[in-house]
């Protein structure tokens, strides 16, 4: 199907008619054109007009009629029209110039050539005419089609100027290479390494947006490798860069934790679209550089790297401007717990240990198990086979105990408020002691996860602490319990 046939729709024809009526050359540009050739769906369409893009947008909205909404951003010279799930962006053709200490350009009216030459990469610097005279004709001054064919990211103009003017484009180059599986042209990549320090003028929020898109890609490792090779990673996330390399003492080395981590991230990406689970994979060994020690009898050790790594997560999220909400807590929890299932595999799988894992992981237990499976990256097939078989045993035990004891959604059979009421206590340490005792007794299998058993244990523990029930309450009636159990 030709590009003319691809855009021969009522919306594009309408925009062309309106532009013709106003005497404005008008073109669909950028990512929408690129995605036509890549056979990727896109509902957001960018138009460039020679002259006022706002004027064309307002006229298009009026032509579309009821249900069309036009939002105008006069400070930027842009307008957006929304209609039936489609977003149309309009802007007048521009040329730009930059100062050294800002990525915000000085903008002036320009020609279509000016507008295409200011764009980040050749594959995004193509335009297709929507005016009736020339409808569907492709304008490709920088060889974007050729670069799509050879799957290459390249800047239209001098890459040093492109990246120095707007350093965010370095991140975008790596993001596009990751999303599309393209290579970055050699001179373009060399310019990224030369201009890496310029990333300092970009807000952390904009960087985080690009990192999120890298993490949502089919193989996130491509982006993280390129960030490291370009010198950007040490400026953006030095904790991850510190994981690179292997140290050897007395002929004994450890694995390259950076390479291992990227393998784990890709393993997770093959199993799950959950981007926050991928972030947990990226950070699961983040504390290994700070916990690495050489022990003459044990070799290389990384004691407590899971606990220390979990403590690092809030600071890293804050530095990256990632959300400091439930998403951060989720990543922190998985980093802290990621050694637990592996420890169960290596040891005797006791009911108590599995209950505690179910309790601590809660609703995230399946994600934790996905991460732990992805963490098995040994090149020894027998070792991998043994670990996977043992993981299945752990899963079976988890399913059995969950069905019987309902630990995953564990709620205390006796609440703190009830303890306070029964013993006429204000908030105090003893209440916490009793609650913890009940919880541990359930997790250790001493009592079932049932209210009457928990009440009996509550009275016993309260007696040990010297507490007496108010109003002469002597505790559960065994005969009443028997009746209730019979029911």
Protein backbone atom coordinates (compact mmCIF):
# COMPACT_ATOMS: atom_id res chain seq x y z
CA UNK A 1 0.00 0.00 0.00
CA UNK A 2 1.42 3.40 -1.03
CA UNK A 3 1.78 6.28 1.42
CA UNK A 4 -0.96 8.13 -0.46
CA UNK A 5 -3.34 5.24 0.20
CA UNK A 6 -2.21 5.11 3.87
CA UNK A 7 -3.28 8.71 4.51
CA UNK A 8 -6.28 8.76 2.18
CA UNK A 9 -8.77 9.07 5.05
CA UNK A 10 -11.57 11.57 5.76
CA UNK A 11 -9.51 13.32 8.47
CA UNK A 12 -6.43 13.92 6.31
CA UNK A 13 -8.57 15.01 3.37
CA UNK A 14 -10.45 17.43 5.65
CA UNK A 15 -7.21 18.97 6.98
CA UNK A 16 -5.99 19.35 3.40
CA UNK A 17 -9.21 21.08 2.32
CA UNK A 18 -9.07 23.50 5.23
CA UNK A 19 -5.40 24.30 4.55
CA UNK A 20 -6.15 24.89 0.87
CA UNK A 21 -9.03 27.22 1.75
CA UNK A 22 -6.66 29.24 3.99
CA UNK A 23 -3.87 29.16 1.43
CA UNK A 24 -1.54 27.23 3.78
CA UNK A 25 0.87 24.50 2.66
CA UNK A 26 0.28 21.71 5.19
CA UNK A 27 2.15 18.47 5.92
CA UNK A 28 1.90 15.53 8.29
CA UNK A 29 5.37 15.15 9.81
CA UNK A 30 7.59 13.32 12.26
CA UNK A 31 6.75 10.14 14.10
CA UNK A 32 3.46 9.50 12.30
CA UNK A 33 5.23 9.42 8.93
CA UNK A 34 8.01 7.23 10.35
CA UNK A 35 5.48 4.79 11.79
CA UNK A 36 3.65 4.46 8.47
CA UNK A 37 6.81 2.94 7.01
CA UNK A 38 7.42 0.83 10.11
CA UNK A 39 3.81 -0.44 10.03
CA UNK A 40 3.27 0.81 13.58
CA UNK A 41 -0.06 2.19 14.72
CA UNK A 42 -0.18 5.79 15.95
CA UNK A 43 -3.25 7.80 16.88
CA UNK A 44 -1.38 11.09 17.42
CA UNK A 45 -0.73 13.09 14.25
CA UNK A 46 1.56 16.13 13.94
CA UNK A 47 0.97 18.69 11.20
CA UNK A 48 3.27 21.53 10.11
CA UNK A 49 1.89 24.45 8.18
CA UNK A 50 3.78 27.26 6.54
CA UNK A 51 2.19 30.12 8.47
CA UNK A 52 -0.05 29.95 11.51
CA UNK A 53 -0.69 26.42 12.71
CA UNK A 54 -3.18 27.74 15.27
CA UNK A 55 -5.30 29.27 12.51
CA UNK A 56 -5.47 25.94 10.66
CA UNK A 57 -6.25 24.02 13.88
CA UNK A 58 -9.17 26.28 14.78
CA UNK A 59 -10.58 25.98 11.27
CA UNK A 60 -10.19 22.18 11.32
CA UNK A 61 -12.02 21.97 14.67
CA UNK A 62 -14.85 24.11 13.28
CA UNK A 63 -15.07 21.88 10.21
CA UNK A 64 -15.17 18.70 12.32
CA UNK A 65 -18.06 20.22 14.22
CA UNK A 66 -19.71 18.88 17.33
CA UNK A 67 -17.43 16.87 19.59
CA UNK A 68 -14.18 18.42 18.34
CA UNK A 69 -12.17 20.28 20.96
CA UNK A 70 -9.39 22.73 20.09
CA UNK A 71 -6.78 23.64 22.73
CA UNK A 72 -4.50 26.56 21.86
CA UNK A 73 -1.02 27.14 23.33
CA UNK A 74 -0.13 30.58 22.01
CA UNK A 75 3.17 30.82 23.90
CA UNK A 76 4.39 27.86 21.89
CA UNK A 77 2.54 28.64 18.67
CA UNK A 78 0.80 25.26 18.76
CA UNK A 79 -2.74 23.92 18.94
CA UNK A 80 -4.27 20.51 19.52
CA UNK A 81 -7.54 19.19 18.13
CA UNK A 82 -9.15 16.13 19.74
CA UNK A 83 -11.94 14.30 17.95
CA UNK A 84 -13.24 10.74 18.43
CA UNK A 85 -10.03 9.36 19.98
CA UNK A 86 -7.69 11.09 17.52
CA UNK A 87 -5.28 13.85 18.51
CA UNK A 88 -4.13 16.28 15.84
CA UNK A 89 -1.25 18.65 16.69
CA UNK A 90 -0.70 21.77 14.58
CA UNK A 91 2.32 24.09 14.51
CA UNK A 92 3.70 26.63 12.11
CA UNK A 93 7.01 25.81 10.40
CA UNK A 94 9.89 27.10 12.55
CA UNK A 95 13.58 27.61 12.66
CA UNK A 96 15.42 27.57 15.99
CA UNK A 97 18.60 28.83 17.62
CA UNK A 98 19.94 27.96 21.07
CA UNK A 99 22.00 29.48 23.86
CA UNK A 100 24.66 27.28 25.46
CA UNK A 101 23.09 27.05 28.92
CA UNK A 102 19.53 26.12 27.93
CA UNK A 103 17.67 23.66 25.72
CA UNK A 104 14.89 26.22 25.21
CA UNK A 105 15.31 27.58 21.66
CA UNK A 106 14.75 31.02 20.22
CA UNK A 107 11.99 30.31 17.70
CA UNK A 108 11.24 32.18 14.47
CA UNK A 109 8.91 31.51 11.55
CA UNK A 110 10.56 29.38 8.91
CA UNK A 111 10.12 27.22 5.87
CA UNK A 112 9.33 23.50 5.75
CA UNK A 113 13.04 22.83 5.12
CA UNK A 114 13.91 24.88 8.22
CA UNK A 115 11.41 22.87 10.24
CA UNK A 116 12.62 19.45 9.08
CA UNK A 117 16.29 20.34 9.56
CA UNK A 118 15.72 21.25 13.23
CA UNK A 119 14.34 17.77 13.99
CA UNK A 120 16.29 15.22 15.99
CA UNK A 121 16.82 12.32 13.57
CA UNK A 122 16.46 11.68 9.86
CA UNK A 123 13.74 9.09 10.45
CA UNK A 124 11.70 11.83 12.15
CA UNK A 125 12.52 14.50 9.54
CA UNK A 126 10.11 13.42 6.81
CA UNK A 127 6.87 15.07 5.74
CA UNK A 128 3.88 14.11 3.59
CA UNK A 129 1.75 16.75 1.87
CA UNK A 130 -1.99 16.79 2.64
CA UNK A 131 -2.92 19.69 0.32
CA UNK A 132 -5.04 18.56 -2.63
CA UNK A 133 -2.33 19.52 -5.11
CA UNK A 134 0.43 17.10 -4.09
CA UNK A 135 -1.60 14.95 -1.65
CA UNK A 136 0.55 12.03 -0.46
CA UNK A 137 3.86 13.30 -1.86
CA UNK A 138 6.84 12.55 0.43
CA UNK A 139 9.43 15.17 1.37
CA UNK A 140 12.59 13.45 2.65
CA UNK A 141 15.55 15.87 2.42
CA UNK A 142 17.88 13.92 4.75
CA UNK A 143 17.43 10.32 3.64
CA UNK A 144 15.10 9.17 6.37
CA UNK A 145 13.68 6.36 4.21
CA UNK A 146 17.17 4.99 3.57
CA UNK A 147 17.94 5.09 7.31
CA UNK A 148 14.70 3.24 8.04
CA UNK A 149 15.74 0.58 5.53
CA UNK A 150 19.15 0.10 7.17
CA UNK A 151 17.68 0.57 10.68
CA UNK A 152 19.92 3.47 11.64
CA UNK A 153 19.55 6.46 13.96
CA UNK A 154 21.30 9.52 12.50
CA UNK A 155 20.94 13.28 12.94
CA UNK A 156 19.94 15.43 9.94
CA UNK A 157 22.69 17.99 10.63
CA UNK A 158 26.00 18.03 12.53
CA UNK A 159 25.35 15.76 15.54
CA UNK A 160 27.57 17.82 17.85
CA UNK A 161 25.39 20.85 17.21
CA UNK A 162 22.18 18.78 17.46
CA UNK A 163 23.11 17.32 20.85
CA UNK A 164 24.73 20.43 22.27
CA UNK A 165 21.65 22.49 21.37
CA UNK A 166 19.25 20.00 22.95
CA UNK A 167 21.01 17.32 25.03
CA UNK A 168 17.73 15.46 25.62
CA UNK A 169 18.14 14.24 22.03
CA UNK A 170 21.01 12.03 23.25
CA UNK A 171 18.54 10.20 25.46
CA UNK A 172 16.03 10.07 22.61
CA UNK A 173 18.62 8.52 20.28
CA UNK A 174 19.23 5.73 22.76
CA UNK A 175 15.53 5.34 23.46
CA UNK A 176 14.68 5.00 19.74
CA UNK A 177 17.53 2.53 19.26
CA UNK A 178 16.09 0.47 22.12
CA UNK A 179 12.44 0.66 21.08
CA UNK A 180 13.06 -0.03 17.39
CA UNK A 181 16.10 -2.29 17.63
CA UNK A 182 18.06 0.15 15.43
CA UNK A 183 21.78 0.98 15.57
CA UNK A 184 23.05 4.50 16.22
CA UNK A 185 25.25 5.67 13.35
CA UNK A 186 28.92 5.85 14.43
CA UNK A 187 29.45 9.60 14.12
CA UNK A 188 26.14 10.26 15.83
CA UNK A 189 27.08 7.98 18.73
CA UNK A 190 30.56 9.52 19.01
CA UNK A 191 28.88 12.92 19.30
CA UNK A 192 26.80 11.62 22.20
CA UNK A 193 29.97 10.58 24.05
CA UNK A 194 31.56 13.98 23.34
CA UNK A 195 28.51 15.87 24.59
CA UNK A 196 27.48 13.58 27.48
CA UNK A 197 28.23 16.21 30.14
CA UNK A 198 25.63 18.48 28.52
CA UNK A 199 22.92 16.21 29.97
CA UNK A 200 23.35 18.26 33.14
CA UNK A 201 21.12 21.04 31.78
CA UNK A 202 18.21 18.64 31.25
CA UNK A 203 15.62 18.25 34.00
CA UNK A 204 15.54 14.92 35.79
CA UNK A 205 11.85 14.62 34.97
CA UNK A 206 12.56 14.65 31.21
CA UNK A 207 15.34 12.10 31.67
CA UNK A 208 13.01 9.90 33.71
CA UNK A 209 10.45 9.99 30.87
CA UNK A 210 13.04 8.58 28.46
CA UNK A 211 14.21 5.96 30.96
CA UNK A 212 10.63 4.79 31.43
CA UNK A 213 10.29 4.33 27.66
CA UNK A 214 13.56 2.39 27.57
CA UNK A 215 12.32 0.14 30.37
CA UNK A 216 9.03 -0.47 28.51
CA UNK A 217 10.91 -1.64 25.39
CA UNK A 218 11.16 -5.31 24.36
CA UNK A 219 14.88 -5.49 25.33
CA UNK A 220 15.68 -2.76 27.89
CA UNK A 221 19.31 -3.93 28.09
CA UNK A 222 20.02 -2.30 24.72
CA UNK A 223 19.35 1.13 26.19
CA UNK A 224 21.27 0.57 29.41
CA UNK A 225 24.28 -0.75 27.46
CA UNK A 226 24.24 2.33 25.21
CA UNK A 227 23.85 4.66 28.18
CA UNK A 228 26.93 3.09 29.73
CA UNK A 229 29.01 3.05 26.54
CA UNK A 230 28.18 6.70 25.83
CA UNK A 231 29.19 7.94 29.29
CA UNK A 232 25.65 9.04 30.15
CA UNK A 233 24.99 6.31 32.71
CA UNK A 234 27.65 7.46 35.17
CA UNK A 235 26.03 10.90 35.12
CA UNK A 236 22.44 9.70 35.42
CA UNK A 237 22.67 6.56 37.57
CA UNK A 238 26.21 6.13 38.93
CA UNK A 239 25.08 3.32 41.27
CA UNK A 240 24.38 1.13 38.24
CA UNK A 241 27.60 2.09 36.46
CA UNK A 242 29.50 1.06 39.60
CA UNK A 243 28.35 -2.53 39.06
CA UNK A 244 30.52 -2.93 35.95
CA UNK A 245 33.65 -5.02 35.88
CA UNK A 246 35.19 -8.07 37.52
CA UNK A 247 37.76 -8.07 40.31
CA UNK A 248 40.06 -11.07 40.80
CA UNK A 249 41.96 -12.14 43.92
CA UNK A 250 44.10 -15.30 44.04
CA UNK A 251 42.65 -16.37 40.72
CA UNK A 252 39.06 -16.10 41.92
CA UNK A 253 36.76 -13.57 40.32
CA UNK A 254 33.06 -12.78 40.59
CA UNK A 255 30.58 -12.33 37.79
CA UNK A 256 30.15 -8.92 36.17
CA UNK A 257 27.12 -7.73 38.11
CA UNK A 258 26.22 -5.13 35.48
CA UNK A 259 26.00 -7.73 32.70
CA UNK A 260 24.16 -10.13 34.99
CA UNK A 261 21.66 -7.41 35.93
CA UNK A 262 20.88 -6.57 32.30
CA UNK A 263 20.32 -10.26 31.58
CA UNK A 264 17.87 -10.42 34.49
CA UNK A 265 16.03 -7.30 33.24
CA UNK A 266 15.63 -8.84 29.77
CA UNK A 267 14.51 -12.14 31.31
CA UNK A 268 11.81 -10.28 33.23
CA UNK A 269 10.84 -8.29 30.12
CA UNK A 270 10.22 -11.55 28.25
CA UNK A 271 7.88 -12.69 31.02
CA UNK A 272 6.09 -9.50 32.05
CA UNK A 273 5.03 -6.07 30.76
CA UNK A 274 5.07 -4.72 34.33
CA UNK A 275 7.60 -1.89 34.02
CA UNK A 276 8.03 -1.62 37.80
CA UNK A 277 8.96 -5.29 38.01
CA UNK A 278 11.64 -4.48 35.41
CA UNK A 279 12.89 -1.63 37.63
CA UNK A 280 13.06 -4.10 40.53
CA UNK A 281 15.16 -6.38 38.32
CA UNK A 282 17.48 -3.48 37.46
CA UNK A 283 18.02 -2.67 41.13
CA UNK A 284 17.93 -6.14 42.69
CA UNK A 285 21.74 -6.26 43.07
CA UNK A 286 22.33 -2.51 43.24
CA UNK A 287 24.12 -2.75 46.61
CA UNK A 288 26.66 -5.37 45.51
CA UNK A 289 29.41 -2.80 44.81
CA UNK A 290 29.13 -1.38 48.35
CA UNK A 291 28.86 -4.79 50.05
CA UNK A 292 31.56 -6.60 48.06
CA UNK A 293 34.21 -8.14 50.30
CA UNK A 294 37.00 -10.70 49.83
CA UNK A 295 37.06 -13.49 52.39
CA UNK A 296 40.03 -15.85 52.23
CA UNK A 297 37.89 -18.87 53.13
CA UNK A 298 34.64 -17.95 51.34
CA UNK A 299 35.86 -15.96 48.35
CA UNK A 300 33.83 -12.96 47.20
CA UNK A 301 30.86 -12.10 49.43
CA UNK A 302 28.01 -9.60 49.18
CA UNK A 303 26.44 -9.97 52.63
CA UNK A 304 23.09 -8.25 53.16
CA UNK A 305 23.16 -6.68 49.69
CA UNK A 306 19.39 -7.20 49.45
CA UNK A 307 18.66 -5.26 52.66
CA UNK A 308 21.15 -2.48 51.90
CA UNK A 309 19.88 -2.31 48.31
CA UNK A 310 16.32 -1.85 49.56
CA UNK A 311 17.46 1.07 51.71
CA UNK A 312 19.07 2.68 48.64
CA UNK A 313 15.85 2.62 46.58
CA UNK A 314 14.13 5.77 48.00
CA UNK A 315 17.25 7.89 47.39
CA UNK A 316 17.70 6.54 43.85
CA UNK A 317 14.03 7.13 43.03
CA UNK A 318 14.29 10.65 44.42
CA UNK A 319 17.40 11.40 42.35
CA UNK A 320 15.82 10.04 39.18
CA UNK A 321 12.50 11.80 39.88
CA UNK A 322 10.69 8.50 39.81
CA UNK A 323 7.47 8.41 41.87
CA UNK A 324 7.93 8.20 45.64
CA UNK A 325 4.67 6.31 46.10
CA UNK A 326 3.44 2.72 46.10
CA UNK A 327 5.55 2.01 43.00
CA UNK A 328 8.72 2.85 44.91
CA UNK A 329 7.58 0.74 47.88
CA UNK A 330 6.87 -2.16 45.53
CA UNK A 331 10.37 -2.02 44.01
CA UNK A 332 11.93 -1.65 47.46
CA UNK A 333 10.06 -4.70 48.74
CA UNK A 334 11.07 -6.91 45.83
CA UNK A 335 14.72 -5.85 46.13
CA UNK A 336 14.66 -6.74 49.82
CA UNK A 337 12.93 -10.10 49.31
CA UNK A 338 14.63 -11.31 46.13
CA UNK A 339 17.03 -13.64 48.00
CA UNK A 340 14.31 -15.38 50.02
CA UNK A 341 12.92 -17.81 47.41
CA UNK A 342 16.45 -18.73 46.36
CA UNK A 343 17.34 -19.44 49.99
CA UNK A 344 14.30 -21.73 50.20
CA UNK A 345 15.47 -23.56 47.10
CA UNK A 346 18.91 -24.11 48.62
CA UNK A 347 17.59 -25.23 52.01
CA UNK A 348 14.90 -27.57 53.30
CA UNK A 349 11.55 -26.05 52.40
CA UNK A 350 9.76 -25.73 55.75
CA UNK A 351 6.12 -24.73 56.08
CA UNK A 352 7.12 -21.91 58.43
CA UNK A 353 9.60 -20.38 55.95
CA UNK A 354 7.06 -20.52 53.12
CA UNK A 355 4.33 -18.97 55.29
CA UNK A 356 6.64 -16.10 56.19
CA UNK A 357 7.54 -15.56 52.55
CA UNK A 358 3.85 -15.49 51.62
CA UNK A 359 3.16 -13.05 54.46
CA UNK A 360 6.02 -10.69 53.61
CA UNK A 361 5.42 -10.70 49.83
CA UNK A 362 1.62 -10.57 50.07
CA UNK A 363 -0.06 -9.88 46.72
CA UNK A 364 3.35 -9.44 45.05
CA UNK A 365 4.44 -13.05 45.55
CA UNK A 366 4.00 -14.00 41.87
CA UNK A 367 6.05 -10.99 40.74
CA UNK A 368 8.73 -11.94 43.27
CA UNK A 369 8.86 -15.48 41.91
CA UNK A 370 9.09 -14.12 38.35
CA UNK A 371 12.05 -11.97 39.40
CA UNK A 372 13.75 -14.90 41.12
CA UNK A 373 13.30 -17.16 38.11
CA UNK A 374 14.78 -14.43 35.92
CA UNK A 375 17.72 -14.15 38.33
CA UNK A 376 18.91 -17.65 37.44
CA UNK A 377 21.45 -16.82 34.73
CA UNK A 378 23.98 -19.63 35.22
CA UNK A 379 25.58 -21.07 32.09
CA UNK A 380 25.55 -24.48 33.75
CA UNK A 381 22.40 -26.21 32.38
CA UNK A 382 22.35 -28.80 35.15
CA UNK A 383 22.43 -26.09 37.81
CA UNK A 384 19.62 -24.20 36.08
CA UNK A 385 17.56 -27.39 35.77
CA UNK A 386 18.03 -28.15 39.47
CA UNK A 387 17.05 -24.62 40.54
CA UNK A 388 13.97 -24.61 38.33
CA UNK A 389 12.83 -27.97 39.70
CA UNK A 390 13.28 -26.75 43.26
CA UNK A 391 11.38 -23.56 42.46
CA UNK A 392 8.45 -25.72 41.37
CA UNK A 393 8.54 -27.47 44.76
CA UNK A 394 8.43 -24.08 46.47
CA UNK A 395 5.48 -23.03 44.30
CA UNK A 396 3.60 -26.23 45.13
CA UNK A 397 4.20 -25.70 48.85
CA UNK A 398 3.05 -22.08 48.55
CA UNK A 399 -0.18 -23.10 46.82
CA UNK A 400 -0.87 -25.78 49.43
CA UNK A 401 -0.29 -23.48 52.41
CA UNK A 402 -2.13 -20.56 50.86
CA UNK A 403 -5.22 -22.66 50.28
CA UNK A 404 -5.12 -23.93 53.87
CA UNK A 405 -3.89 -20.93 55.86
CA UNK A 406 -4.87 -17.87 53.74
CA UNK A 407 -1.56 -16.14 54.49
CA UNK A 408 -1.28 -13.98 51.38
CA UNK A 409 -4.13 -11.70 52.47
CA UNK A 410 -3.32 -12.16 56.13
CA UNK A 411 -5.38 -10.09 58.52
CA UNK A 412 -4.92 -10.56 62.30
CA UNK A 413 -7.76 -12.73 63.66
CA UNK A 414 -7.67 -10.47 66.73
CA UNK A 415 -7.15 -6.74 66.29
CA UNK A 416 -5.29 -4.33 68.51
CA UNK A 417 -8.56 -2.52 69.25
CA UNK A 418 -10.10 -5.76 70.53
CA UNK A 419 -7.11 -6.43 72.80
CA UNK A 420 -7.40 -2.91 74.22
CA UNK A 421 -11.12 -3.38 74.86
CA UNK A 422 -10.85 -6.86 76.42
CA UNK A 423 -8.09 -5.83 78.82
CA UNK A 424 -9.15 -2.17 79.24
CA UNK A 425 -5.76 -0.96 78.02
CA UNK A 426 -4.68 2.30 76.46
CA UNK A 427 -2.24 2.08 73.48
CA UNK A 428 0.89 0.43 74.90
CA UNK A 429 3.79 -1.92 74.20
CA UNK A 430 1.96 -4.99 75.50
CA UNK A 431 -0.63 -4.80 72.71
CA UNK A 432 2.12 -5.00 70.09
CA UNK A 433 3.75 -7.92 71.93
CA UNK A 434 0.48 -9.88 71.92
CA UNK A 435 -0.26 -9.15 68.26
CA UNK A 436 3.26 -10.14 67.21
CA UNK A 437 3.03 -13.35 69.24
CA UNK A 438 -0.24 -14.30 67.53
CA UNK A 439 1.16 -13.50 64.08
CA UNK A 440 4.37 -15.49 64.63
CA UNK A 441 2.43 -18.45 66.05
CA UNK A 442 0.26 -18.57 62.93
CA UNK A 443 3.23 -18.23 60.56
CA UNK A 444 5.16 -20.91 62.46
CA UNK A 445 2.16 -23.28 62.31
CA UNK A 446 1.73 -23.40 66.09
CA UNK A 447 -1.93 -22.41 65.76
CA UNK A 448 -4.22 -22.28 62.69
CA UNK A 449 -5.18 -18.94 61.18
CA UNK A 450 -8.53 -18.96 63.03
CA UNK A 451 -10.13 -16.54 65.47
CA UNK A 452 -10.83 -18.90 68.40
CA UNK A 453 -7.29 -20.29 68.38
CA UNK A 454 -5.93 -16.75 68.26
CA UNK A 455 -8.14 -15.67 71.17
CA UNK A 456 -6.91 -18.56 73.32
CA UNK A 457 -3.33 -17.61 72.57
CA UNK A 458 -4.11 -13.97 73.33
CA UNK A 459 -5.37 -14.81 76.82
CA UNK A 460 -2.37 -17.06 77.49
CA UNK A 461 0.12 -14.42 76.41
CA UNK A 462 -1.72 -11.67 78.32
CA UNK A 463 -1.49 -13.81 81.45
CA UNK A 464 2.27 -14.15 81.00
CA UNK A 465 2.45 -10.35 80.80
CA UNK A 466 0.39 -9.99 84.00
CA UNK A 467 -2.68 -8.62 82.26
CA UNK A 468 -6.21 -9.45 83.39
CA UNK A 469 -9.39 -9.16 81.34
CA UNK A 470 -11.82 -6.40 82.25
CA UNK A 471 -15.22 -7.24 83.73
CA UNK A 472 -14.07 -10.69 84.83
CA UNK A 473 -13.87 -12.03 81.27
CA UNK A 474 -12.13 -15.40 81.53
CA UNK A 475 -11.66 -16.03 77.86
CA UNK A 476 -13.30 -18.25 75.26
CA UNK A 477 -15.83 -20.84 76.44
CA UNK A 478 -14.61 -24.28 75.24
CA UNK A 479 -18.18 -25.59 74.95
CA UNK A 480 -19.24 -22.53 72.89
CA UNK A 481 -16.17 -23.01 70.71
CA UNK A 482 -17.16 -26.60 70.07
CA UNK A 483 -20.66 -25.50 69.03
CA UNK A 484 -19.24 -22.83 66.71
CA UNK A 485 -16.79 -25.28 65.17
CA UNK A 486 -19.64 -27.76 64.65
CA UNK A 487 -21.61 -25.10 62.82
